[in-house]
């Protein structure tokens, strides 16, 4: 089991493909949880489904990226809001070797996971977890949301009980609000915090954490690491 943490979907990047091919095998099945969208992202259910259906922007992106690992579209299942129920979603998760959590709104993502009753099913998954942005954040038992254009205040949130002991600042750009948030989180928890820029990658495999540049440690166990 490995956790592949990203700020953006980098699975198609040549360096990332080389790094992940030993982990992502061509015979694996993928389950994509299309539950992370913002409330105003789609004008209606039809536009939502088109986005995640064959020929849709996100569908084609995901299928094309996984094809680089020898995985075809028949090996990818999709959990769709208002289409799947607890039973159908559970079946797809249990049949998958990889769960993919996309970016979007992490708090709404968790709300929809809970509504479908999938929390325990996901936490029991023994395969790989791949997350982008919000999909990285919700893998943590406790995570935080920095103030930005989508969220107008800092908040602590409860995610999935998959990762603990450290935090990740996604889309890390050394912004003032990000630095304020990390300082607040470190003072409250005294646990490491990693900065994850859009072109960075973090791989958590058992107790080992591998940072792929430009992902970096900002706060270590003894305090601030990066003062820039």
Protein backbone atom coordinates (compact mmCIF):
# COMPACT_ATOMS: atom_id res chain seq x y z
CA UNK A 1 0.00 0.00 0.00
CA UNK A 2 1.30 3.44 -0.93
CA UNK A 3 -0.11 6.95 -0.72
CA UNK A 4 0.75 9.11 -3.71
CA UNK A 5 0.17 12.76 -2.82
CA UNK A 6 -0.02 15.53 -5.41
CA UNK A 7 -1.29 19.10 -5.73
CA UNK A 8 -2.18 18.57 -9.37
CA UNK A 9 -2.74 15.50 -11.52
CA UNK A 10 0.83 14.64 -12.53
CA UNK A 11 0.39 10.99 -13.43
CA UNK A 12 1.10 11.79 -17.07
CA UNK A 13 4.37 13.63 -16.39
CA UNK A 14 7.29 11.61 -17.79
CA UNK A 15 9.35 11.84 -14.57
CA UNK A 16 6.35 10.79 -12.50
CA UNK A 17 5.60 7.87 -14.80
CA UNK A 18 9.17 6.61 -14.40
CA UNK A 19 8.90 6.92 -10.64
CA UNK A 20 5.50 5.27 -10.24
CA UNK A 21 5.60 2.50 -12.84
CA UNK A 22 7.10 0.02 -10.37
CA UNK A 23 4.03 0.61 -8.15
CA UNK A 24 1.21 1.06 -10.67
CA UNK A 25 0.93 -2.23 -12.55
CA UNK A 26 -0.87 -2.77 -15.86
CA UNK A 27 -3.22 -5.38 -14.35
CA UNK A 28 -4.52 -3.09 -11.61
CA UNK A 29 -8.07 -1.77 -11.38
CA UNK A 30 -8.72 1.87 -10.50
CA UNK A 31 -11.72 3.41 -8.77
CA UNK A 32 -12.14 7.15 -9.29
CA UNK A 33 -14.28 8.97 -6.70
CA UNK A 34 -15.87 11.88 -8.58
CA UNK A 35 -17.17 13.50 -5.40
CA UNK A 36 -14.89 16.49 -4.81
CA UNK A 37 -16.57 19.18 -6.93
CA UNK A 38 -17.60 22.62 -5.65
CA UNK A 39 -21.32 23.38 -5.39
CA UNK A 40 -21.25 25.92 -8.22
CA UNK A 41 -18.81 24.01 -10.45
CA UNK A 42 -21.53 22.51 -12.66
CA UNK A 43 -24.75 24.14 -13.81
CA UNK A 44 -26.70 20.89 -13.57
CA UNK A 45 -26.44 17.12 -13.21
CA UNK A 46 -26.06 16.66 -16.96
CA UNK A 47 -22.94 18.84 -17.14
CA UNK A 48 -21.49 17.03 -14.12
CA UNK A 49 -21.99 13.62 -15.73
CA UNK A 50 -20.60 14.81 -19.07
CA UNK A 51 -17.43 15.99 -17.33
CA UNK A 52 -16.82 12.52 -15.89
CA UNK A 53 -18.11 10.44 -18.83
CA UNK A 54 -16.35 9.20 -21.95
CA UNK A 55 -15.49 12.19 -24.12
CA UNK A 56 -15.61 14.52 -21.12
CA UNK A 57 -12.63 16.66 -20.15
CA UNK A 58 -11.74 14.95 -16.88
CA UNK A 59 -12.64 11.45 -18.06
CA UNK A 60 -10.29 11.66 -21.03
CA UNK A 61 -7.50 13.14 -18.91
CA UNK A 62 -7.63 10.30 -16.37
CA UNK A 63 -7.92 7.56 -19.00
CA UNK A 64 -5.01 8.98 -20.98
CA UNK A 65 -2.81 9.27 -17.91
CA UNK A 66 -3.43 5.72 -16.73
CA UNK A 67 -2.86 4.39 -20.24
CA UNK A 68 0.81 5.30 -19.75
CA UNK A 69 0.91 2.59 -17.08
CA UNK A 70 -0.81 0.02 -19.31
CA UNK A 71 -4.20 0.49 -17.65
CA UNK A 72 -7.14 0.88 -20.05
CA UNK A 73 -10.53 2.51 -19.55
CA UNK A 74 -12.23 -0.84 -18.86
CA UNK A 75 -10.07 -1.14 -15.74
CA UNK A 76 -11.29 2.21 -14.38
CA UNK A 77 -14.59 2.53 -12.52
CA UNK A 78 -16.21 5.80 -11.50
CA UNK A 79 -18.20 6.62 -8.37
CA UNK A 80 -20.67 9.31 -9.39
CA UNK A 81 -22.77 11.48 -7.09
CA UNK A 82 -26.54 10.85 -7.34
CA UNK A 83 -25.84 7.84 -9.57
CA UNK A 84 -24.05 5.47 -7.20
CA UNK A 85 -25.43 4.37 -3.87
CA UNK A 86 -23.70 2.73 -0.91
CA UNK A 87 -23.91 -0.75 -2.42
CA UNK A 88 -22.65 0.10 -5.92
CA UNK A 89 -19.88 2.37 -4.61
CA UNK A 90 -18.75 -0.24 -2.09
CA UNK A 91 -18.52 -2.86 -4.82
CA UNK A 92 -16.34 -0.61 -6.98
CA UNK A 93 -14.02 0.23 -4.09
CA UNK A 94 -13.61 -3.41 -3.05
CA UNK A 95 -12.81 -4.46 -6.61
CA UNK A 96 -10.15 -1.77 -7.06
CA UNK A 97 -6.41 -1.92 -6.47
CA UNK A 98 -6.11 1.87 -6.60
CA UNK A 99 -8.43 4.54 -5.23
CA UNK A 100 -8.09 7.92 -6.93
CA UNK A 101 -9.20 11.05 -5.07
CA UNK A 102 -9.36 14.11 -7.36
CA UNK A 103 -8.97 17.77 -6.47
CA UNK A 104 -11.78 20.16 -5.61
CA UNK A 105 -13.45 20.94 -2.30
CA UNK A 106 -12.07 18.71 0.48
CA UNK A 107 -14.84 19.44 3.00
CA UNK A 108 -17.60 18.71 0.47
CA UNK A 109 -15.67 15.64 -0.69
CA UNK A 110 -15.77 14.25 2.85
CA UNK A 111 -19.45 15.17 3.24
CA UNK A 112 -20.32 13.12 0.13
CA UNK A 113 -18.17 10.19 1.24
CA UNK A 114 -20.01 10.16 4.59
CA UNK A 115 -23.40 10.52 2.92
CA UNK A 116 -22.69 7.38 0.88
CA UNK A 117 -21.45 5.60 4.00
CA UNK A 118 -18.05 4.91 2.48
CA UNK A 119 -15.67 6.05 5.22
CA UNK A 120 -14.99 2.64 6.76
CA UNK A 121 -14.92 0.92 3.35
CA UNK A 122 -12.24 3.33 2.12
CA UNK A 123 -10.21 3.11 5.32
CA UNK A 124 -10.19 -0.70 5.01
CA UNK A 125 -8.82 -0.55 1.46
CA UNK A 126 -5.49 -2.39 1.24
CA UNK A 127 -4.32 -1.05 -2.12
CA UNK A 128 -2.85 2.25 -3.26
CA UNK A 129 -4.31 5.70 -2.71
CA UNK A 130 -3.67 8.49 -5.21
CA UNK A 131 -4.75 12.02 -4.36
CA UNK A 132 -4.57 15.41 -6.01
CA UNK A 133 -5.06 18.61 -3.96
CA UNK A 134 -8.31 17.97 -2.05
CA UNK A 135 -7.69 14.27 -2.69
CA UNK A 136 -4.37 14.58 -0.88
CA UNK A 137 -5.86 16.51 2.04
CA UNK A 138 -8.69 14.12 2.87
CA UNK A 139 -6.30 11.18 3.28
CA UNK A 140 -5.30 12.68 6.62
CA UNK A 141 -7.25 11.92 9.79
CA UNK A 142 -6.95 15.62 10.59
CA UNK A 143 -6.15 18.26 8.00
CA UNK A 144 -6.47 22.00 7.66
CA UNK A 145 -7.61 24.38 4.94
CA UNK A 146 -5.58 27.54 4.41
CA UNK A 147 -7.32 30.78 3.57
CA UNK A 148 -7.45 31.30 -0.20
CA UNK A 149 -9.76 32.37 -3.03
CA UNK A 150 -12.08 29.39 -2.42
CA UNK A 151 -12.00 29.36 1.37
CA UNK A 152 -12.13 32.69 3.15
CA UNK A 153 -10.98 31.48 6.55
CA UNK A 154 -8.62 28.92 8.06
CA UNK A 155 -10.30 25.76 9.36
CA UNK A 156 -9.40 22.39 10.81
CA UNK A 157 -11.22 19.46 9.24
CA UNK A 158 -11.59 15.71 9.80
CA UNK A 159 -10.68 13.44 6.91
CA UNK A 160 -10.08 9.74 6.44
CA UNK A 161 -8.05 7.86 9.03
CA UNK A 162 -5.34 6.93 6.54
CA UNK A 163 -2.41 9.24 7.33
CA UNK A 164 -1.33 10.81 10.62
CA UNK A 165 1.79 12.31 12.16
CA UNK A 166 2.40 15.09 9.63
CA UNK A 167 0.61 17.67 7.50
CA UNK A 168 0.84 18.79 3.87
CA UNK A 169 0.34 22.29 2.46
CA UNK A 170 -0.94 21.67 -1.07
CA UNK A 171 -0.32 24.15 -3.91
CA UNK A 172 2.56 25.52 -1.87
CA UNK A 173 3.76 28.85 -3.29
CA UNK A 174 5.24 30.50 -0.19
CA UNK A 175 2.18 32.74 0.09
CA UNK A 176 1.69 34.78 3.26
CA UNK A 177 -1.57 33.02 4.11
CA UNK A 178 0.05 29.62 3.65
CA UNK A 179 2.91 30.56 5.95
CA UNK A 180 0.48 31.85 8.57
CA UNK A 181 -1.52 28.63 8.39
CA UNK A 182 1.53 26.39 8.68
CA UNK A 183 2.86 28.37 11.63
CA UNK A 184 -0.51 28.05 13.37
CA UNK A 185 -0.72 24.32 12.70
CA UNK A 186 2.82 23.65 13.86
CA UNK A 187 2.38 25.60 17.09
CA UNK A 188 -0.76 23.60 17.85
CA UNK A 189 0.50 20.14 16.85
CA UNK A 190 4.33 20.14 16.72
CA UNK A 191 4.31 17.70 13.81
CA UNK A 192 6.20 17.98 10.50
CA UNK A 193 4.64 19.98 7.68
CA UNK A 194 5.60 19.46 4.04
CA UNK A 195 5.18 22.00 1.27
CA UNK A 196 3.77 20.44 -1.89
CA UNK A 197 4.01 22.71 -4.98
CA UNK A 198 1.99 21.93 -8.08
CA UNK A 199 4.94 20.11 -9.68
CA UNK A 200 5.97 18.20 -6.57
CA UNK A 201 5.18 14.69 -5.37
CA UNK A 202 5.14 12.93 -2.01
CA UNK A 203 5.09 9.13 -1.72
CA UNK A 204 4.22 7.56 1.63
CA UNK A 205 5.01 3.86 1.71
CA UNK A 206 4.46 2.29 5.13
CA UNK A 207 6.53 4.49 7.48
CA UNK A 208 8.73 5.98 4.77
CA UNK A 209 8.04 9.42 3.30
CA UNK A 210 9.74 10.29 0.02
CA UNK A 211 9.73 13.89 -1.17
CA UNK A 212 10.09 14.38 -4.92
CA UNK A 213 11.45 17.85 -5.73
CA UNK A 214 10.20 20.52 -5.35
CA UNK A 215 8.20 19.03 -2.46
CA UNK A 216 10.09 19.92 0.72
CA UNK A 217 9.95 19.91 4.50
CA UNK A 218 8.91 23.29 5.92
CA UNK A 219 8.58 22.37 9.59
CA UNK A 220 10.46 19.46 11.12
CA UNK A 221 10.16 17.89 14.53
CA UNK A 222 12.30 20.66 16.02
CA UNK A 223 10.63 23.59 14.30
CA UNK A 224 10.88 25.57 11.10
CA UNK A 225 13.10 24.09 8.44
CA UNK A 226 12.65 26.48 5.54
CA UNK A 227 12.79 30.17 6.47
CA UNK A 228 12.56 31.54 2.93
